[in-house]
Amino acid sequence: MSPRRYPAQRVRRERERAVRRRYPSDLTDAQWALIAPLVMPAPGVRRGRPPAHPMRAIVAAILYVTCTGCPWRALPREFPPPGTVYWWFARWRDDHTLMRLHDRLREQCRTAAGRHRHATAGIIDSQSVRAADTVPRHSRGFDMAKKVNGRKRHIVVDTLGLLLAVMVTAAHVNDRSVARHLLWRTRLFHPGLRLVWADGGYIGTLATWARHALDLTVQLVRKLPGQHTFVVLPRRWVVERTFAWISKKRRCVRDYEHLPASHAAFVTWAMIHVMVTRLARNTNPAQANT
């Protein structure tokens, strides 16, 4: 290869890489503008060596895994190395950056919908998902009611269906035993929460405990008399719709994670993708597809 043609070919390769085919999980400029201030370092603050890969590429790679369900090592070559992407995924999961990012986007979604940025009412529910062979035995179980061998994700959402709290346990764990810890944590991070709707599976002493310990009202939404088929029940359909949003991301259809915290992180990333898509479409429709 002659030296004269090499720079031209390199420029052409760089141009082809820059205009590569977009994946459905890729962030538009409007979506990245919502995330960038929350993951980029503050101006003038520099600690150690600067990252070798742009943060937008890291976030895009994490969302690609979330939406497609592929293993980390199966990331396309145009993304940063899988080890680097997972390092950032685990760091943001453990240092609460992911939680702060999600909470800020949820507040923006509530404000855009004409609601107060802090929720005062929510809905609690759980969903069992099958576990892959990568899930260790000590953190999985068998849900006798759903006939599912795997894990169970417990969530609390607001009246818009946006996530307030998530907790992942083995599938055999009873909903009522987890609900106390989940409601306590939800009340801690959302002091304005006053009312939570729940299904009949939470019947018992939970409502009394929540009223005395958390100053929180737990109201049960029971099935209709004689109901044997699916019926859309008041308030409960909101959390069921949230489970549908989460299950559209293929990494969340089944639990592949060694740590329950990693599956909870993917649930959070799934909701982040839902929220940034909604915010970018509502705030700036002209840039939604740029």
C-alpha atoms as a PDB file:
ATOM      1  CA  MET A   1       0.000   0.000   0.000  1.00  0.00           C
ATOM      2  CA  SER A   2       1.464   3.327  -1.036  1.00  0.00           C
ATOM      3  CA  PRO A   3       1.965   6.007   1.648  1.00  0.00           C
ATOM      4  CA  ARG A   4      -0.146   8.440  -0.354  1.00  0.00           C
ATOM      5  CA  ARG A   5      -3.267   6.297  -0.275  1.00  0.00           C
ATOM      6  CA  TYR A   6      -3.030   5.299   3.385  1.00  0.00           C
ATOM      7  CA  PRO A   7      -4.227   8.642   4.859  1.00  0.00           C
ATOM      8  CA  ALA A   8      -7.138   8.711   2.406  1.00  0.00           C
ATOM      9  CA  GLN A   9      -8.215   5.200   3.401  1.00  0.00           C
ATOM     10  CA  ARG A  10      -7.900   6.035   7.068  1.00  0.00           C
ATOM     11  CA  VAL A  11     -10.100   9.107   6.599  1.00  0.00           C
ATOM     12  CA  ARG A  12     -12.647   6.995   4.737  1.00  0.00           C
ATOM     13  CA  ARG A  13     -12.704   4.373   7.523  1.00  0.00           C
ATOM     14  CA  GLU A  14     -13.164   7.049  10.150  1.00  0.00           C
ATOM     15  CA  ARG A  15     -16.007   8.544   8.135  1.00  0.00           C
ATOM     16  CA  GLU A  16     -17.695   5.177   7.743  1.00  0.00           C
ATOM     17  CA  ARG A  17     -17.376   4.569  11.493  1.00  0.00           C
ATOM     18  CA  ALA A  18     -18.879   7.972  12.225  1.00  0.00           C
ATOM     19  CA  VAL A  19     -21.917   7.359  10.002  1.00  0.00           C
ATOM     20  CA  ARG A  20     -22.428   3.736  11.060  1.00  0.00           C
ATOM     21  CA  ARG A  21     -25.918   2.293  11.109  1.00  0.00           C
ATOM     22  CA  ARG A  22     -27.847   3.515  14.132  1.00  0.00           C
ATOM     23  CA  TYR A  23     -29.160   0.975  16.611  1.00  0.00           C
ATOM     24  CA  PRO A  24     -32.629   1.439  18.103  1.00  0.00           C
ATOM     25  CA  SER A  25     -30.997   1.893  21.526  1.00  0.00           C
ATOM     26  CA  ASP A  26     -28.686   4.706  20.367  1.00  0.00           C
ATOM     27  CA  LEU A  27     -29.172   8.086  21.998  1.00  0.00           C
ATOM     28  CA  THR A  28     -30.287  11.035  19.929  1.00  0.00           C
ATOM     29  CA  ASP A  29     -28.737  14.427  20.559  1.00  0.00           C
ATOM     30  CA  ALA A  30     -31.818  15.489  22.509  1.00  0.00           C
ATOM     31  CA  GLN A  31     -31.694  12.372  24.686  1.00  0.00           C
ATOM     32  CA  TRP A  32     -27.977  12.696  25.370  1.00  0.00           C
ATOM     33  CA  ALA A  33     -28.476  16.332  26.365  1.00  0.00           C
ATOM     34  CA  LEU A  34     -30.697  15.088  29.204  1.00  0.00           C
ATOM     35  CA  ILE A  35     -28.182  12.513  30.466  1.00  0.00           C
ATOM     36  CA  ALA A  36     -24.849  14.270  29.882  1.00  0.00           C
ATOM     37  CA  PRO A  37     -24.987  16.744  32.807  1.00  0.00           C
ATOM     38  CA  LEU A  38     -25.561  13.854  35.230  1.00  0.00           C
ATOM     39  CA  VAL A  39     -22.723  11.539  34.122  1.00  0.00           C
ATOM     40  CA  MET A  40     -20.096  13.956  32.853  1.00  0.00           C
ATOM     41  CA  PRO A  41     -17.561  15.353  35.377  1.00  0.00           C
ATOM     42  CA  ALA A  42     -18.132  18.909  36.518  1.00  0.00           C
ATOM     43  CA  PRO A  43     -16.235  21.576  34.543  1.00  0.00           C
ATOM     44  CA  GLY A  44     -12.818  22.266  36.012  1.00  0.00           C
ATOM     45  CA  VAL A  45     -12.842  19.048  38.092  1.00  0.00           C
ATOM     46  CA  ARG A  46     -10.212  16.578  36.935  1.00  0.00           C
ATOM     47  CA  ARG A  47      -9.252  13.508  38.910  1.00  0.00           C
ATOM     48  CA  GLY A  48      -6.589  11.257  37.486  1.00  0.00           C
ATOM     49  CA  ARG A  49      -6.272  10.303  33.859  1.00  0.00           C
ATOM     50  CA  PRO A  50      -9.167  11.371  31.590  1.00  0.00           C
ATOM     51  CA  PRO A  51     -11.359   8.549  30.228  1.00  0.00           C
ATOM     52  CA  ALA A  52     -10.129   6.937  27.041  1.00  0.00           C
ATOM     53  CA  HIS A  53     -13.672   6.628  25.657  1.00  0.00           C
ATOM     54  CA  PRO A  54     -16.446   9.252  25.492  1.00  0.00           C
ATOM     55  CA  MET A  55     -19.208   8.927  28.066  1.00  0.00           C
ATOM     56  CA  ARG A  56     -21.856   8.977  25.343  1.00  0.00           C
ATOM     57  CA  ALA A  57     -20.388   5.787  23.873  1.00  0.00           C
ATOM     58  CA  ILE A  58     -20.333   4.147  27.318  1.00  0.00           C
ATOM     59  CA  VAL A  59     -23.992   4.995  27.970  1.00  0.00           C
ATOM     60  CA  ALA A  60     -24.968   3.877  24.460  1.00  0.00           C
ATOM     61  CA  ALA A  61     -23.234   0.525  25.011  1.00  0.00           C
ATOM     62  CA  ILE A  62     -25.021  -0.055  28.332  1.00  0.00           C
ATOM     63  CA  LEU A  63     -28.371   0.758  26.726  1.00  0.00           C
ATOM     64  CA  TYR A  64     -27.529  -1.570  23.818  1.00  0.00           C
ATOM     65  CA  VAL A  65     -27.028  -4.460  26.279  1.00  0.00           C
ATOM     66  CA  THR A  66     -30.214  -3.481  28.126  1.00  0.00           C
ATOM     67  CA  CYS A  67     -32.373  -3.378  25.003  1.00  0.00           C
ATOM     68  CA  THR A  68     -30.919  -6.352  23.099  1.00  0.00           C
ATOM     69  CA  GLY A  69     -30.050  -8.642  25.998  1.00  0.00           C
ATOM     70  CA  CYS A  70     -26.701  -9.625  24.492  1.00  0.00           C
ATOM     71  CA  PRO A  71     -23.749 -10.720  26.679  1.00  0.00           C
ATOM     72  CA  TRP A  72     -21.144  -8.099  27.497  1.00  0.00           C
ATOM     73  CA  ARG A  73     -18.579  -9.848  25.310  1.00  0.00           C
ATOM     74  CA  ALA A  74     -20.954  -9.735  22.336  1.00  0.00           C
ATOM     75  CA  LEU A  75     -20.941  -5.939  22.116  1.00  0.00           C
ATOM     76  CA  PRO A  76     -20.347  -4.738  18.536  1.00  0.00           C
ATOM     77  CA  ARG A  77     -16.835  -3.544  17.813  1.00  0.00           C
ATOM     78  CA  GLU A  78     -17.843   0.077  17.321  1.00  0.00           C
ATOM     79  CA  PHE A  79     -18.599   0.322  21.034  1.00  0.00           C
ATOM     80  CA  PRO A  80     -15.849   0.631  23.676  1.00  0.00           C
ATOM     81  CA  PRO A  81     -14.313  -2.643  24.954  1.00  0.00           C
ATOM     82  CA  PRO A  82     -16.761  -4.795  26.962  1.00  0.00           C
ATOM     83  CA  GLY A  83     -14.550  -4.712  30.049  1.00  0.00           C
ATOM     84  CA  THR A  84     -14.537  -0.932  30.018  1.00  0.00           C
ATOM     85  CA  VAL A  85     -18.315  -0.717  29.578  1.00  0.00           C
ATOM     86  CA  TYR A  86     -18.950  -3.165  32.422  1.00  0.00           C
ATOM     87  CA  TRP A  87     -16.522  -1.255  34.671  1.00  0.00           C
ATOM     88  CA  TRP A  88     -18.571   1.910  34.238  1.00  0.00           C
ATOM     89  CA  PHE A  89     -21.832  -0.045  34.645  1.00  0.00           C
ATOM     90  CA  ALA A  90     -20.655  -1.477  37.984  1.00  0.00           C
ATOM     91  CA  ARG A  91     -19.206   1.849  39.158  1.00  0.00           C
ATOM     92  CA  TRP A  92     -22.404   3.801  38.491  1.00  0.00           C
ATOM     93  CA  ARG A  93     -24.412   0.989  40.119  1.00  0.00           C
ATOM     94  CA  ASP A  94     -22.367   1.054  43.321  1.00  0.00           C
ATOM     95  CA  ASP A  95     -21.626   4.773  43.772  1.00  0.00           C
ATOM     96  CA  HIS A  96     -25.318   5.772  43.385  1.00  0.00           C
ATOM     97  CA  THR A  97     -24.705   7.689  40.153  1.00  0.00           C
ATOM     98  CA  LEU A  98     -27.329   5.514  38.464  1.00  0.00           C
ATOM     99  CA  MET A  99     -29.882   6.259  41.183  1.00  0.00           C
ATOM    100  CA  ARG A 100     -29.246  10.007  40.993  1.00  0.00           C
ATOM    101  CA  LEU A 101     -29.551   9.945  37.199  1.00  0.00           C
ATOM    102  CA  HIS A 102     -32.818   8.024  37.348  1.00  0.00           C
ATOM    103  CA  ASP A 103     -34.318  10.215  40.087  1.00  0.00           C
ATOM    104  CA  ARG A 104     -33.480  13.436  38.263  1.00  0.00           C
ATOM    105  CA  LEU A 105     -35.083  12.167  35.044  1.00  0.00           C
ATOM    106  CA  ARG A 106     -38.176  11.005  36.940  1.00  0.00           C
ATOM    107  CA  GLU A 107     -38.574  14.469  38.460  1.00  0.00           C
ATOM    108  CA  GLN A 108     -38.325  16.001  34.991  1.00  0.00           C
ATOM    109  CA  CYS A 109     -40.943  13.576  33.643  1.00  0.00           C
ATOM    110  CA  ARG A 110     -43.336  14.402  36.466  1.00  0.00           C
ATOM    111  CA  THR A 111     -42.837  18.135  35.961  1.00  0.00           C
ATOM    112  CA  ALA A 112     -43.407  17.785  32.213  1.00  0.00           C
ATOM    113  CA  ALA A 113     -46.669  15.932  32.958  1.00  0.00           C
ATOM    114  CA  GLY A 114     -47.893  18.763  35.167  1.00  0.00           C
ATOM    115  CA  ARG A 115     -47.293  16.915  38.444  1.00  0.00           C
ATOM    116  CA  HIS A 116     -45.227  17.846  41.480  1.00  0.00           C
ATOM    117  CA  ARG A 117     -41.702  16.541  41.120  1.00  0.00           C
ATOM    118  CA  HIS A 118     -42.058  14.466  44.311  1.00  0.00           C
ATOM    119  CA  ALA A 119     -44.642  11.689  44.418  1.00  0.00           C
ATOM    120  CA  THR A 120     -47.241  11.481  47.182  1.00  0.00           C
ATOM    121  CA  ALA A 121     -48.902   8.196  46.116  1.00  0.00           C
ATOM    122  CA  GLY A 122     -47.622   4.947  44.647  1.00  0.00           C
ATOM    123  CA  ILE A 123     -48.391   1.322  43.805  1.00  0.00           C
ATOM    124  CA  ILE A 124     -46.429  -1.720  44.977  1.00  0.00           C
ATOM    125  CA  ASP A 125     -46.248  -5.097  43.215  1.00  0.00           C
ATOM    126  CA  SER A 126     -43.857  -7.897  42.307  1.00  0.00           C
ATOM    127  CA  GLN A 127     -43.022  -9.986  39.248  1.00  0.00           C
ATOM    128  CA  SER A 128     -41.218 -13.316  39.025  1.00  0.00           C
ATOM    129  CA  VAL A 129     -38.755 -13.862  36.159  1.00  0.00           C
ATOM    130  CA  ARG A 130     -36.909 -16.974  35.127  1.00  0.00           C
ATOM    131  CA  ALA A 131     -33.201 -17.116  35.888  1.00  0.00           C
ATOM    132  CA  ALA A 132     -30.427 -18.266  33.571  1.00  0.00           C
ATOM    133  CA  ASP A 133     -27.705 -20.699  34.602  1.00  0.00           C
ATOM    134  CA  THR A 134     -25.466 -17.727  35.410  1.00  0.00           C
ATOM    135  CA  VAL A 135     -27.593 -16.953  38.488  1.00  0.00           C
ATOM    136  CA  PRO A 136     -26.136 -18.705  41.571  1.00  0.00           C
ATOM    137  CA  ARG A 137     -28.272 -21.143  43.506  1.00  0.00           C
ATOM    138  CA  HIS A 138     -28.191 -19.214  46.787  1.00  0.00           C
ATOM    139  CA  SER A 139     -29.909 -16.162  45.220  1.00  0.00           C
ATOM    140  CA  ARG A 140     -32.657 -17.927  43.281  1.00  0.00           C
ATOM    141  CA  GLY A 141     -35.777 -19.838  44.243  1.00  0.00           C
ATOM    142  CA  PHE A 142     -39.026 -21.370  42.988  1.00  0.00           C
ATOM    143  CA  ASP A 143     -42.248 -19.363  42.987  1.00  0.00           C
ATOM    144  CA  MET A 144     -44.965 -21.951  43.601  1.00  0.00           C
ATOM    145  CA  ALA A 145     -47.777 -19.582  42.570  1.00  0.00           C
ATOM    146  CA  LYS A 146     -46.257 -18.634  39.200  1.00  0.00           C
ATOM    147  CA  LYS A 147     -44.304 -21.888  38.672  1.00  0.00           C
ATOM    148  CA  VAL A 148     -41.156 -19.864  37.989  1.00  0.00           C
ATOM    149  CA  ASN A 149     -37.632 -20.851  38.986  1.00  0.00           C
ATOM    150  CA  GLY A 150     -35.615 -17.665  39.285  1.00  0.00           C
ATOM    151  CA  ARG A 151     -35.846 -14.294  40.962  1.00  0.00           C
ATOM    152  CA  LYS A 152     -38.553 -11.831  41.859  1.00  0.00           C
ATOM    153  CA  ARG A 153     -38.374  -8.065  41.360  1.00  0.00           C
ATOM    154  CA  HIS A 154     -40.393  -5.922  43.748  1.00  0.00           C
ATOM    155  CA  ILE A 155     -41.124  -2.365  42.644  1.00  0.00           C
ATOM    156  CA  VAL A 156     -42.938   0.735  43.821  1.00  0.00           C
ATOM    157  CA  VAL A 157     -44.095   3.164  41.133  1.00  0.00           C
ATOM    158  CA  ASP A 158     -45.866   6.519  41.219  1.00  0.00           C
ATOM    159  CA  THR A 159     -49.279   7.167  39.671  1.00  0.00           C
ATOM    160  CA  LEU A 160     -47.608   7.773  36.279  1.00  0.00           C
ATOM    161  CA  GLY A 161     -45.937   4.357  36.382  1.00  0.00           C
ATOM    162  CA  LEU A 162     -42.437   5.787  36.948  1.00  0.00           C
ATOM    163  CA  LEU A 163     -40.133   3.794  39.189  1.00  0.00           C
ATOM    164  CA  LEU A 164     -39.683   4.893  42.805  1.00  0.00           C
ATOM    165  CA  ALA A 165     -37.861   1.857  44.214  1.00  0.00           C
ATOM    166  CA  VAL A 166     -36.811  -1.623  43.099  1.00  0.00           C
ATOM    167  CA  MET A 167     -35.587  -4.657  45.020  1.00  0.00           C
ATOM    168  CA  VAL A 168     -34.611  -8.082  43.648  1.00  0.00           C
ATOM    169  CA  THR A 169     -34.895 -11.280  45.711  1.00  0.00           C
ATOM    170  CA  ALA A 170     -35.187 -15.014  45.151  1.00  0.00           C
ATOM    171  CA  ALA A 171     -38.528 -15.975  43.612  1.00  0.00           C
ATOM    172  CA  HIS A 172     -39.698 -17.968  46.648  1.00  0.00           C
ATOM    173  CA  VAL A 173     -39.536 -14.969  49.001  1.00  0.00           C
ATOM    174  CA  ASN A 174     -42.981 -13.849  50.179  1.00  0.00           C
ATOM    175  CA  ASP A 175     -44.145 -10.420  49.022  1.00  0.00           C
ATOM    176  CA  ARG A 176     -45.210  -9.308  52.499  1.00  0.00           C
ATOM    177  CA  SER A 177     -41.799 -10.028  54.022  1.00  0.00           C
ATOM    178  CA  VAL A 178     -40.068  -7.856  51.425  1.00  0.00           C
ATOM    179  CA  ALA A 179     -42.699  -5.117  51.401  1.00  0.00           C
ATOM    180  CA  ARG A 180     -41.695  -3.765  54.816  1.00  0.00           C
ATOM    181  CA  HIS A 181     -38.094  -3.159  53.804  1.00  0.00           C
ATOM    182  CA  LEU A 182     -39.104  -1.860  50.376  1.00  0.00           C
ATOM    183  CA  LEU A 183     -41.678   0.565  51.774  1.00  0.00           C
ATOM    184  CA  TRP A 184     -39.243   1.733  54.463  1.00  0.00           C
ATOM    185  CA  ARG A 185     -36.610   2.480  51.817  1.00  0.00           C
ATOM    186  CA  THR A 186     -39.169   4.150  49.555  1.00  0.00           C
ATOM    187  CA  ARG A 187     -40.403   6.331  52.416  1.00  0.00           C
ATOM    188  CA  LEU A 188     -36.793   7.254  53.270  1.00  0.00           C
ATOM    189  CA  PHE A 189     -36.002   8.564  49.794  1.00  0.00           C
ATOM    190  CA  HIS A 190     -39.521   9.924  49.168  1.00  0.00           C
ATOM    191  CA  PRO A 191     -40.634  11.608  52.398  1.00  0.00           C
ATOM    192  CA  GLY A 192     -43.761  13.010  50.751  1.00  0.00           C
ATOM    193  CA  LEU A 193     -45.209   9.560  50.039  1.00  0.00           C
ATOM    194  CA  ARG A 194     -48.459   9.127  51.951  1.00  0.00           C
ATOM    195  CA  LEU A 195     -50.533   6.467  50.131  1.00  0.00           C
ATOM    196  CA  VAL A 196     -49.634   3.145  48.504  1.00  0.00           C
ATOM    197  CA  TRP A 197     -52.015   0.803  46.700  1.00  0.00           C
ATOM    198  CA  ALA A 198     -51.362  -2.951  46.785  1.00  0.00           C
ATOM    199  CA  ASP A 199     -53.035  -6.167  45.679  1.00  0.00           C
ATOM    200  CA  GLY A 200     -54.465  -8.900  47.870  1.00  0.00           C
ATOM    201  CA  GLY A 201     -51.099 -10.605  48.231  1.00  0.00           C
ATOM    202  CA  TYR A 202     -50.085  -7.956  50.764  1.00  0.00           C
ATOM    203  CA  ILE A 203     -53.005  -8.623  53.094  1.00  0.00           C
ATOM    204  CA  GLY A 204     -52.111  -9.006  56.773  1.00  0.00           C
ATOM    205  CA  THR A 205     -50.316  -6.751  59.224  1.00  0.00           C
ATOM    206  CA  LEU A 206     -48.510  -4.709  56.573  1.00  0.00           C
ATOM    207  CA  ALA A 207     -51.087  -1.914  56.540  1.00  0.00           C
ATOM    208  CA  THR A 208     -51.034  -1.587  60.334  1.00  0.00           C
ATOM    209  CA  TRP A 209     -47.232  -1.608  60.469  1.00  0.00           C
ATOM    210  CA  ALA A 210     -46.929   0.982  57.683  1.00  0.00           C
ATOM    211  CA  ARG A 211     -49.434   3.289  59.382  1.00  0.00           C
ATOM    212  CA  HIS A 212     -47.656   3.222  62.745  1.00  0.00           C
ATOM    213  CA  ALA A 213     -44.020   2.941  61.640  1.00  0.00           C
ATOM    214  CA  LEU A 214     -44.004   5.040  58.470  1.00  0.00           C
ATOM    215  CA  ASP A 215     -47.156   7.175  58.702  1.00  0.00           C
ATOM    216  CA  LEU A 216     -48.082   5.567  55.373  1.00  0.00           C
ATOM    217  CA  THR A 217     -51.493   4.316  54.288  1.00  0.00           C
ATOM    218  CA  VAL A 218     -51.524   0.981  52.443  1.00  0.00           C
ATOM    219  CA  GLN A 219     -54.833   0.467  50.619  1.00  0.00           C
ATOM    220  CA  LEU A 220     -55.636  -2.933  49.152  1.00  0.00           C
ATOM    221  CA  VAL A 221     -57.203  -3.206  45.696  1.00  0.00           C
ATOM    222  CA  ARG A 222     -58.975  -6.551  45.724  1.00  0.00           C
ATOM    223  CA  LYS A 223     -60.248  -8.627  42.837  1.00  0.00           C
ATOM    224  CA  LEU A 224     -63.868  -8.320  41.830  1.00  0.00           C
ATOM    225  CA  PRO A 225     -66.301 -10.876  43.312  1.00  0.00           C
ATOM    226  CA  GLY A 226     -66.336 -13.969  41.128  1.00  0.00           C
ATOM    227  CA  GLN A 227     -63.419 -12.781  38.989  1.00  0.00           C
ATOM    228  CA  HIS A 228     -61.671 -15.683  37.227  1.00  0.00           C
ATOM    229  CA  THR A 229     -60.225 -13.939  34.155  1.00  0.00           C
ATOM    230  CA  PHE A 230     -58.064 -10.904  33.593  1.00  0.00           C
ATOM    231  CA  VAL A 231     -59.773  -7.635  34.501  1.00  0.00           C
ATOM    232  CA  VAL A 232     -58.228  -4.178  34.515  1.00  0.00           C
ATOM    233  CA  LEU A 233     -58.420  -3.108  38.155  1.00  0.00           C
ATOM    234  CA  PRO A 234     -58.165   0.488  39.367  1.00  0.00           C
ATOM    235  CA  ARG A 235     -54.607   1.618  40.181  1.00  0.00           C
ATOM    236  CA  ARG A 236     -53.122  -1.868  39.754  1.00  0.00           C
ATOM    237  CA  TRP A 237     -53.005  -1.514  35.975  1.00  0.00           C
ATOM    238  CA  VAL A 238     -50.410   1.262  36.398  1.00  0.00           C
ATOM    239  CA  VAL A 239     -47.762  -1.014  37.889  1.00  0.00           C
ATOM    240  CA  GLU A 240     -48.624  -3.789  35.424  1.00  0.00           C
ATOM    241  CA  ARG A 241     -47.948  -1.343  32.594  1.00  0.00           C
ATOM    242  CA  THR A 242     -44.571  -0.540  34.156  1.00  0.00           C
ATOM    243  CA  PHE A 243     -43.703  -4.244  34.183  1.00  0.00           C
ATOM    244  CA  ALA A 244     -44.602  -4.293  30.471  1.00  0.00           C
ATOM    245  CA  TRP A 245     -42.257  -1.357  29.809  1.00  0.00           C
ATOM    246  CA  ILE A 246     -39.444  -3.148  31.635  1.00  0.00           C
ATOM    247  CA  SER A 247     -40.061  -6.457  29.863  1.00  0.00           C
ATOM    248  CA  LYS A 248     -39.685  -4.802  26.456  1.00  0.00           C
ATOM    249  CA  LYS A 249     -35.965  -4.553  27.238  1.00  0.00           C
ATOM    250  CA  ARG A 250     -34.672  -8.036  26.502  1.00  0.00           C
ATOM    251  CA  ARG A 251     -32.045  -8.023  29.237  1.00  0.00           C
ATOM    252  CA  CYS A 252     -34.923  -7.779  31.733  1.00  0.00           C
ATOM    253  CA  VAL A 253     -37.069 -10.556  30.267  1.00  0.00           C
ATOM    254  CA  ARG A 254     -34.867 -13.105  32.052  1.00  0.00           C
ATOM    255  CA  ASP A 255     -32.395 -12.660  34.887  1.00  0.00           C
ATOM    256  CA  TYR A 256     -28.818 -13.309  33.758  1.00  0.00           C
ATOM    257  CA  GLU A 257     -27.004 -11.473  36.537  1.00  0.00           C
ATOM    258  CA  HIS A 258     -24.751 -12.974  39.179  1.00  0.00           C
ATOM    259  CA  LEU A 259     -25.691 -10.197  41.614  1.00  0.00           C
ATOM    260  CA  PRO A 260     -29.308  -9.191  42.320  1.00  0.00           C
ATOM    261  CA  ALA A 261     -28.103  -5.570  42.382  1.00  0.00           C
ATOM    262  CA  SER A 262     -27.054  -5.887  38.732  1.00  0.00           C
ATOM    263  CA  HIS A 263     -30.547  -6.972  37.688  1.00  0.00           C
ATOM    264  CA  ALA A 264     -32.003  -4.067  39.662  1.00  0.00           C
ATOM    265  CA  ALA A 265     -29.564  -1.793  37.799  1.00  0.00           C
ATOM    266  CA  PHE A 266     -30.779  -3.083  34.426  1.00  0.00           C
ATOM    267  CA  VAL A 267     -34.376  -2.447  35.497  1.00  0.00           C
ATOM    268  CA  THR A 268     -33.325   1.110  36.319  1.00  0.00           C
ATOM    269  CA  TRP A 269     -31.569   1.529  32.957  1.00  0.00           C
ATOM    270  CA  ALA A 270     -34.712   0.241  31.226  1.00  0.00           C
ATOM    271  CA  MET A 271     -36.770   2.971  32.905  1.00  0.00           C
ATOM    272  CA  ILE A 272     -34.101   5.571  32.095  1.00  0.00           C
ATOM    273  CA  HIS A 273     -34.433   4.704  28.397  1.00  0.00           C
ATOM    274  CA  VAL A 274     -38.223   4.998  28.658  1.00  0.00           C
ATOM    275  CA  MET A 275     -37.986   8.403  30.338  1.00  0.00           C
ATOM    276  CA  VAL A 276     -35.367   9.998  28.081  1.00  0.00           C
ATOM    277  CA  THR A 277     -37.345   8.872  25.034  1.00  0.00           C
ATOM    278  CA  ARG A 278     -40.482  10.480  26.448  1.00  0.00           C
ATOM    279  CA  LEU A 279     -38.740  13.685  27.532  1.00  0.00           C
ATOM    280  CA  ALA A 280     -36.896  14.184  24.237  1.00  0.00           C
ATOM    281  CA  ARG A 281     -40.096  13.635  22.257  1.00  0.00           C
ATOM    282  CA  ASN A 282     -42.133  16.028  24.387  1.00  0.00           C
ATOM    283  CA  THR A 283     -39.617  18.828  24.933  1.00  0.00           C
ATOM    284  CA  ASN A 284     -38.004  19.032  21.513  1.00  0.00           C
ATOM    285  CA  PRO A 285     -39.812  17.058  18.795  1.00  0.00           C
ATOM    286  CA  ALA A 286     -37.657  18.599  16.050  1.00  0.00           C
ATOM    287  CA  GLN A 287     -34.501  16.984  17.459  1.00  0.00           C
ATOM    288  CA  ALA A 288     -36.043  13.664  18.448  1.00  0.00           C
ATOM    289  CA  ASN A 289     -34.542  11.874  15.440  1.00  0.00           C
ATOM    290  CA  THR A 290     -31.249  13.739  15.023  1.00  0.00           C
END
